Protein backbone atom coordinates (compact mmCIF):
# COMPACT_ATOMS: atom_id res chain seq x y z
CA MET A 1 0.03 0.03 0.04
CA SER A 2 2.88 2.40 0.86
CA THR A 3 4.52 1.68 -2.40
CA ARG A 4 1.38 2.32 -4.31
CA ARG A 5 0.77 5.67 -2.49
CA LYS A 6 4.45 6.74 -3.27
CA PHE A 7 3.85 5.66 -7.06
CA LEU A 8 0.46 7.64 -7.23
CA HIS A 9 2.11 10.56 -5.55
CA SER A 10 5.07 10.73 -7.93
CA ALA A 11 2.80 10.27 -10.98
CA ALA A 12 0.61 13.21 -9.84
CA LEU A 13 3.63 15.27 -9.32
CA GLY A 14 5.08 14.26 -12.52
CA SER A 15 1.64 15.18 -14.37
CA PHE A 16 1.71 18.52 -12.75
CA GLY A 17 5.19 19.23 -13.64
CA LEU A 18 4.50 18.38 -17.22
CA PHE A 19 1.29 20.66 -17.03
CA LEU A 20 3.77 23.65 -15.72
CA THR A 21 6.38 22.84 -18.59
CA LYS A 22 3.61 23.18 -21.11
CA LYS A 23 2.40 26.35 -19.69
CA LEU A 24 6.00 27.77 -19.30
CA THR A 25 6.95 26.76 -22.97
CA ALA A 26 3.63 28.35 -24.20
CA ALA A 27 4.70 31.75 -22.95
CA PRO A 28 5.79 34.45 -25.26
CA LEU A 29 9.46 34.49 -26.02
CA SER A 30 11.60 37.76 -25.63
CA ASP A 31 12.97 37.49 -29.09
CA THR A 32 9.62 38.19 -30.52
CA VAL A 33 9.67 41.80 -29.26
CA THR A 34 13.34 42.66 -29.61
CA GLY A 35 13.70 46.42 -30.49
CA LYS A 36 10.31 47.49 -29.37
CA ALA A 37 11.27 49.62 -26.45
CA VAL A 38 8.30 51.32 -24.82
CA VAL A 39 7.57 52.99 -21.40
CA ILE A 40 4.18 53.92 -19.75
CA SER A 41 3.50 55.64 -16.53
CA THR A 42 0.59 57.00 -14.54
CA TRP A 43 -1.06 60.37 -14.91
CA ASP A 44 -0.07 63.59 -16.62
CA THR A 45 3.24 63.60 -14.66
CA GLY A 46 4.26 60.60 -16.64
CA LEU A 47 4.95 62.75 -19.54
CA ALA A 48 8.10 64.15 -18.00
CA ALA A 49 8.93 60.82 -16.31
CA ASN A 50 8.85 59.04 -19.55
CA LYS A 51 11.25 61.56 -21.12
CA GLY A 52 13.57 60.78 -18.35
CA ALA A 53 13.21 56.85 -18.91
CA TRP A 54 13.61 57.44 -22.66
CA GLU A 55 17.10 58.88 -22.08
CA VAL A 56 17.92 55.21 -21.17
CA LEU A 57 15.72 53.39 -23.60
CA GLY A 58 16.51 55.53 -26.50
CA ARG A 59 20.22 54.54 -26.25
CA ASN A 60 19.28 50.86 -25.78
CA GLY A 61 19.74 50.89 -22.03
CA SER A 62 17.96 48.56 -19.60
CA ALA A 63 14.34 48.73 -18.62
CA LEU A 64 15.44 48.63 -15.06
CA ASP A 65 17.72 51.66 -15.41
CA ALA A 66 15.02 53.38 -17.25
CA VAL A 67 12.16 52.94 -14.63
CA GLU A 68 14.59 54.17 -11.95
CA ALA A 69 15.64 57.22 -14.05
CA GLY A 70 12.10 57.98 -15.03
CA VAL A 71 10.42 58.36 -11.65
CA LYS A 72 13.35 60.16 -10.32
CA VAL A 73 12.24 62.86 -12.40
CA THR A 74 8.98 63.14 -10.53
CA GLU A 75 10.70 62.66 -6.96
CA SER A 76 12.86 65.74 -7.73
CA SER A 77 9.87 67.90 -8.30
CA ILE A 78 8.77 70.01 -5.29
CA ASN A 79 4.96 69.79 -5.15
CA CYS A 80 2.43 68.37 -2.78
CA CYS A 81 2.32 65.12 -4.53
CA VAL A 82 5.42 62.99 -4.86
CA GLY A 83 8.73 63.25 -3.03
CA LEU A 84 9.84 65.37 -0.12
CA GLY A 85 7.62 68.32 -1.24
CA ALA A 86 4.56 66.18 -0.55
CA ASN A 87 1.67 66.69 1.79
CA PRO A 88 2.67 65.29 5.16
CA ASP A 89 0.96 62.68 7.44
CA ARG A 90 -1.41 63.95 10.15
CA ASP A 91 1.60 64.62 12.65
CA GLY A 92 3.19 66.75 10.05
CA HIS A 93 5.94 64.44 8.71
CA VAL A 94 6.45 63.48 5.12
CA THR A 95 7.08 59.78 4.66
CA LEU A 96 7.93 58.13 1.35
CA ASP A 97 7.42 54.59 -0.15
CA ALA A 98 8.78 53.04 -3.26
CA CYS A 99 9.51 49.83 -4.92
CA ILE A 100 11.28 48.43 -8.07
CA MET A 101 11.39 45.20 -9.76
CA ASP A 102 13.46 43.72 -12.74
CA HIS A 103 12.94 41.01 -15.35
CA GLN A 104 14.43 38.32 -13.17
CA PHE A 105 12.16 38.71 -10.25
CA ASN A 106 14.59 40.73 -8.27
CA CYS A 107 12.86 43.33 -6.33
CA GLY A 108 13.40 46.02 -3.64
CA SER A 109 11.24 48.35 -1.49
CA VAL A 110 11.39 50.94 1.15
CA ALA A 111 8.55 52.26 3.16
CA PHE A 112 7.81 54.90 5.93
CA LEU A 113 11.18 56.45 4.69
CA GLU A 114 11.89 60.00 5.88
CA ARG A 115 14.19 62.85 4.60
CA ILE A 116 15.55 60.89 1.55
CA LYS A 117 15.15 62.62 -1.80
CA HIS A 118 14.99 59.39 -3.91
CA PRO A 119 13.30 56.38 -2.31
CA ILE A 120 13.29 54.54 -5.60
CA SER A 121 17.07 54.52 -5.59
CA VAL A 122 17.20 53.39 -2.17
CA ALA A 123 14.71 50.52 -3.00
CA ARG A 124 17.11 49.46 -5.81
CA ARG A 125 20.05 49.24 -3.39
CA VAL A 126 17.87 47.23 -1.19
CA MET A 127 17.36 44.83 -3.97
CA GLU A 128 20.97 44.73 -5.02
CA LYS A 129 22.88 45.04 -1.85
CA THR A 130 20.85 43.16 0.79
CA PRO A 131 19.25 39.82 1.21
CA HIS A 132 15.91 41.52 1.80
CA VAL A 133 13.10 42.78 -0.12
CA MET A 134 11.73 45.63 2.05
CA LEU A 135 13.24 48.05 4.62
CA VAL A 136 11.02 50.33 6.64
CA GLY A 137 11.27 53.42 8.83
CA GLU A 138 14.41 54.24 10.79
CA GLY A 139 16.14 51.03 9.56
CA ALA A 140 15.58 52.06 5.72
CA GLN A 141 16.85 55.64 6.61
CA GLN A 142 19.87 54.05 8.34
CA PHE A 143 20.67 52.00 5.30
CA ALA A 144 20.13 54.92 2.85
CA VAL A 145 22.66 57.15 4.82
CA ALA A 146 25.17 54.28 4.91
CA GLU A 147 24.75 53.95 1.08
CA GLY A 148 25.64 57.80 0.68
CA PHE A 149 22.23 59.19 0.33
CA PRO A 150 22.17 62.63 2.33
CA LEU A 151 19.58 63.39 4.79
CA GLU A 152 17.30 66.32 3.56
CA SER A 153 15.80 68.97 5.48
CA PRO A 154 12.62 67.91 7.61
CA ASP A 155 10.77 71.08 6.80
CA LEU A 156 7.73 71.12 4.58
CA SER A 157 7.58 72.72 1.17
CA ASP A 158 5.55 75.87 1.04
CA ASP A 159 2.58 74.37 -0.71
CA ALA A 160 2.54 71.38 1.57
CA LYS A 161 2.80 73.68 4.64
CA LYS A 162 -0.03 75.64 3.53
CA ALA A 163 -2.15 72.74 2.84
CA TYR A 164 -1.25 71.17 6.11
CA GLU A 165 -2.13 74.44 8.12
CA GLN A 166 -5.52 74.42 6.32
CA TRP A 167 -6.22 70.77 7.15
CA LEU A 168 -5.32 71.40 10.91
CA LYS A 169 -8.33 73.70 11.07
CA LYS A 170 -10.61 70.77 11.40
CA SER A 171 -8.14 67.93 11.33
CA GLU A 172 -10.96 65.64 9.70
CA TYR A 173 -10.16 62.78 7.56
CA LYS A 174 -12.71 62.58 4.89
CA PRO A 175 -11.29 61.17 1.54
CA VAL A 176 -12.71 62.63 -1.52
CA ILE A 177 -12.37 61.15 -5.08
CA ASN A 178 -10.34 63.49 -7.27
CA ILE A 179 -9.89 66.37 -4.76
CA GLU A 180 -6.17 66.43 -5.27
CA ASN A 181 -6.62 67.30 -8.95
CA THR A 182 -7.20 70.83 -8.10
CA LYS A 183 -4.36 73.14 -8.07
CA GLY A 184 -2.36 73.20 -5.01
CA GLY A 185 -3.18 69.75 -4.01
CA GLY A 186 -5.56 68.79 -1.21
CA GLN A 187 -6.57 65.92 0.81
CA HIS A 188 -5.72 62.51 -1.08
CA ASP A 189 -8.03 59.90 -1.93
CA GLY A 190 -6.91 57.59 0.95
CA GLY A 191 -4.96 55.13 -1.30
CA GLY A 192 -1.67 56.52 -1.70
CA HIS A 193 -2.21 57.32 -5.36
CA GLY A 194 -3.72 60.10 -7.56
CA PRO A 195 -7.33 59.40 -8.52
CA SER A 196 -9.34 60.43 -11.63
CA VAL A 197 -10.53 63.80 -12.76
CA PRO A 198 -14.05 64.60 -12.07
CA ALA A 199 -16.22 66.02 -14.82
CA HIS A 200 -16.33 69.52 -13.15
CA LEU A 201 -12.62 69.85 -13.06
CA PRO A 202 -10.32 71.12 -15.80
CA ASN A 203 -7.84 68.82 -17.37
CA GLY A 204 -4.95 70.51 -15.87
CA ASP A 205 -2.89 71.59 -12.88
CA TRP A 206 -3.32 67.90 -11.64
CA ASN A 207 -1.50 66.69 -8.52
CA HIS A 208 -0.96 63.09 -7.75
CA ASP A 209 0.93 61.48 -4.93
CA THR A 210 2.31 58.48 -6.77
CA ILE A 211 3.84 57.70 -10.08
CA GLY A 212 4.03 54.11 -11.32
CA MET A 213 6.13 52.98 -14.33
CA VAL A 214 6.59 49.99 -16.28
CA ALA A 215 8.83 49.58 -19.48
CA MET A 216 10.34 47.28 -21.86
CA ASP A 217 13.63 47.73 -23.48
CA ALA A 218 15.05 46.75 -26.85
CA ALA A 219 16.23 43.34 -25.60
CA GLY A 220 12.50 42.74 -24.69
CA ASN A 221 13.14 42.85 -20.88
CA LEU A 222 10.43 44.23 -18.41
CA SER A 223 10.94 46.17 -15.40
CA GLY A 224 8.71 48.53 -13.25
CA SER A 225 8.91 51.07 -10.41
CA CYS A 226 6.56 52.88 -8.09
CA THR A 227 7.28 55.82 -5.79
CA THR A 228 4.78 57.73 -3.66
CA SER A 229 4.46 60.19 -0.71
CA GLY A 230 1.30 58.08 0.34
CA MET A 231 -2.15 59.58 1.38
CA GLY A 232 -2.08 63.18 2.56
CA PHE A 233 -2.59 63.74 6.19
CA LYS A 234 -2.68 59.82 6.72
CA MET A 235 -2.50 58.23 10.09
CA ARG A 236 1.13 58.16 11.22
CA GLY A 237 2.54 54.69 10.15
CA ARG A 238 -0.14 54.15 7.25
CA LEU A 239 1.20 52.18 4.40
CA GLY A 240 -0.40 51.68 1.05
CA ASP A 241 0.04 49.37 -1.93
CA SER A 242 2.80 51.29 -3.53
CA PRO A 243 5.78 49.62 -1.92
CA ILE A 244 4.28 46.20 -1.97
CA ILE A 245 5.50 43.87 -4.70
CA GLY A 246 2.43 42.02 -6.05
CA ALA A 247 0.07 44.87 -5.02
CA GLY A 248 1.37 48.12 -6.39
CA LEU A 249 3.83 46.59 -8.79
CA PHE A 250 4.68 43.31 -10.36
CA VAL A 251 6.73 42.12 -13.27
CA ASP A 252 6.69 38.69 -14.84
CA ASN A 253 9.25 38.69 -17.91
CA GLU A 254 7.36 35.86 -19.60
CA ILE A 255 3.83 37.82 -19.46
CA GLY A 256 3.95 41.43 -18.62
CA ALA A 257 4.32 44.27 -16.11
CA VAL A 258 1.71 46.12 -14.08
CA THR A 259 1.36 48.83 -11.73
CA ALA A 260 -1.54 50.34 -9.72
CA THR A 261 -2.88 53.55 -8.70
CA GLY A 262 -5.86 54.60 -6.45
CA GLN A 263 -7.08 53.46 -3.06
CA GLY A 264 -4.19 51.28 -1.99
CA GLU A 265 -6.05 49.25 0.67
CA ASP A 266 -8.31 47.95 -2.11
CA VAL A 267 -5.48 47.32 -4.47
CA ILE A 268 -3.93 45.34 -1.63
CA ARG A 269 -6.94 43.25 -0.93
CA ILE A 270 -6.68 41.41 -4.41
CA CYS A 271 -2.81 41.63 -4.75
CA GLY A 272 -3.97 43.69 -7.78
CA SER A 273 -0.84 44.08 -10.01
CA HIS A 274 -0.15 40.18 -9.59
CA THR A 275 -3.74 39.67 -10.44
CA VAL A 276 -3.59 41.64 -13.62
CA VAL A 277 -0.40 39.60 -14.51
CA GLU A 278 -2.21 36.43 -13.91
CA TYR A 279 -5.14 37.58 -16.20
CA MET A 280 -2.66 38.22 -19.00
CA ARG A 281 -1.17 34.76 -18.48
CA GLN A 282 -4.68 33.41 -19.34
CA GLY A 283 -4.39 35.26 -22.74
CA MET A 284 -6.20 38.39 -21.88
CA SER A 285 -5.04 41.77 -23.39
CA PRO A 286 -3.62 44.25 -21.11
CA GLU A 287 -6.83 46.34 -21.02
CA ALA A 288 -9.08 43.28 -20.55
CA ALA A 289 -6.83 41.94 -17.66
CA CYS A 290 -6.83 45.49 -15.97
CA LYS A 291 -10.73 45.50 -16.30
CA ALA A 292 -11.07 42.12 -14.81
CA ALA A 293 -9.11 43.15 -11.69
CA VAL A 294 -11.12 46.40 -11.42
CA GLU A 295 -14.30 44.42 -11.62
CA ARG A 296 -13.20 42.25 -8.91
CA ILE A 297 -12.55 45.17 -6.65
CA VAL A 298 -16.05 46.31 -7.59
CA ARG A 299 -17.73 43.13 -6.55
CA ILE A 300 -15.94 43.39 -3.17
CA LYS A 301 -16.75 46.89 -2.42
CA LYS A 302 -20.37 46.72 -3.56
CA GLU A 303 -22.14 49.91 -2.93
CA LYS A 304 -18.98 51.56 -1.48
CA VAL A 305 -17.27 51.51 -4.84
CA LYS A 306 -18.74 54.71 -5.87
CA ASP A 307 -16.57 56.36 -3.26
CA ILE A 308 -13.25 55.20 -4.42
CA GLN A 309 -10.85 55.10 -7.35
CA VAL A 310 -8.70 52.32 -8.52
CA ALA A 311 -6.72 52.00 -11.74
CA PHE A 312 -4.17 49.57 -13.39
CA ILE A 313 -1.75 50.05 -16.23
CA ALA A 314 -0.29 47.10 -17.97
CA LEU A 315 2.39 46.20 -20.67
CA ASN A 316 2.52 42.77 -22.17
CA LYS A 317 5.51 40.96 -23.68
CA LYS A 318 4.31 41.93 -27.16
CA GLY A 319 4.83 45.60 -26.18
CA GLU A 320 1.06 46.25 -25.99
CA ALA A 321 -0.06 48.59 -23.50
CA GLY A 322 -3.64 48.81 -21.81
CA SER A 323 -5.49 50.32 -18.66
CA TYR A 324 -8.61 50.39 -16.82
CA ALA A 325 -10.29 52.31 -13.96
CA ILE A 326 -13.37 52.44 -11.58
CA GLN A 327 -13.90 56.24 -12.10
CA LYS A 328 -13.63 58.19 -15.28
CA GLY A 329 -10.87 60.68 -16.10
CA PHE A 330 -7.74 58.45 -15.30
CA THR A 331 -5.08 58.73 -17.88
CA TYR A 332 -1.62 57.39 -18.51
CA ALA A 333 1.53 58.37 -20.59
CA ILE A 334 3.07 56.24 -23.29
CA LYS A 335 6.26 56.81 -25.16
CA ASN A 336 8.06 54.64 -27.81
CA ASN A 337 10.02 55.32 -30.97
CA ASN A 338 7.01 56.38 -32.70
CA GLU A 339 4.75 58.31 -30.36
CA GLU A 340 4.51 60.20 -27.12
CA ARG A 341 1.05 60.92 -25.79
CA MET A 342 -1.42 60.67 -23.05
CA VAL A 343 -4.14 57.97 -23.15
CA GLU A 344 -7.65 58.46 -21.83
CA VAL A 345 -8.71 55.22 -19.97
CA LYS A 346 -12.18 53.47 -19.99
CA SER A 347 -13.76 53.10 -16.82
CA TYR A 348 -16.27 51.10 -15.00
CA PHE A 349 -18.52 54.33 -14.24
């Protein structure tokens, strides 16, 4: 009986292994996309970020170098959205989160990082120089300083200081979809990302507290990055999806790369970016895969879904891009050898 059980167990494992082999060999091959470099990133801020990424991709550099260079452009901007110029938490401190992932499943992340200008670069150092995936808080800052990153001033930017002083008058946390799209920022949507633009707001002067980027280089390799200041006036210690591999960002070089934006808590609930990649593995287009993930969140949130925004952008191994959002108004930026433009995204509502 024992021998028979062992035989059946071995046979089952062998069949499962054969199934996996068939699935893996059916995946797209990198040589089918050689030379088709492309980068996409969230929101209007992605236009400038894509230019930074293209300085790498345009000279046949790696997607990993490109997605780091691209979002550093946004981190360097002084505004109420991304980087040290962003709106603080409710105790008046700016905390930053970021993650990065390459085509070989190498990944690095930092969270609750203070006084460091480029968290995305610290995340890459975590990936390349430590046995870990994520460092947080004081430990992440200690690591950054040890790696030569200077400590910046803890003072708030002028815009963030004004926004914080205004918020302190009532000290209420009532997330409102799209409020940060008005000039000067405002209270963020509760997810660590910039939400969509409501119909009554102009399509300009948007402020978003995250940028997510995915790219494919001329060799056909994929990488992605995500960096954020998190939700404005959040509880001290709050963490969204942006630095979480599989939630805010995921890369599978056989299938595609995805990043998320919107209410981070709800992206985390479904391991959003990983879920979109798995839908693409089943043969869905990038847009259809993003739509399927959004619809899963809609089913979970039920009537509460009208109060949140979530969107995904995806790039598959063929170099095809797609996106889908809960609320209308979300856009992403795309750049390749032939075009550079903003894309208006389809939405559930």
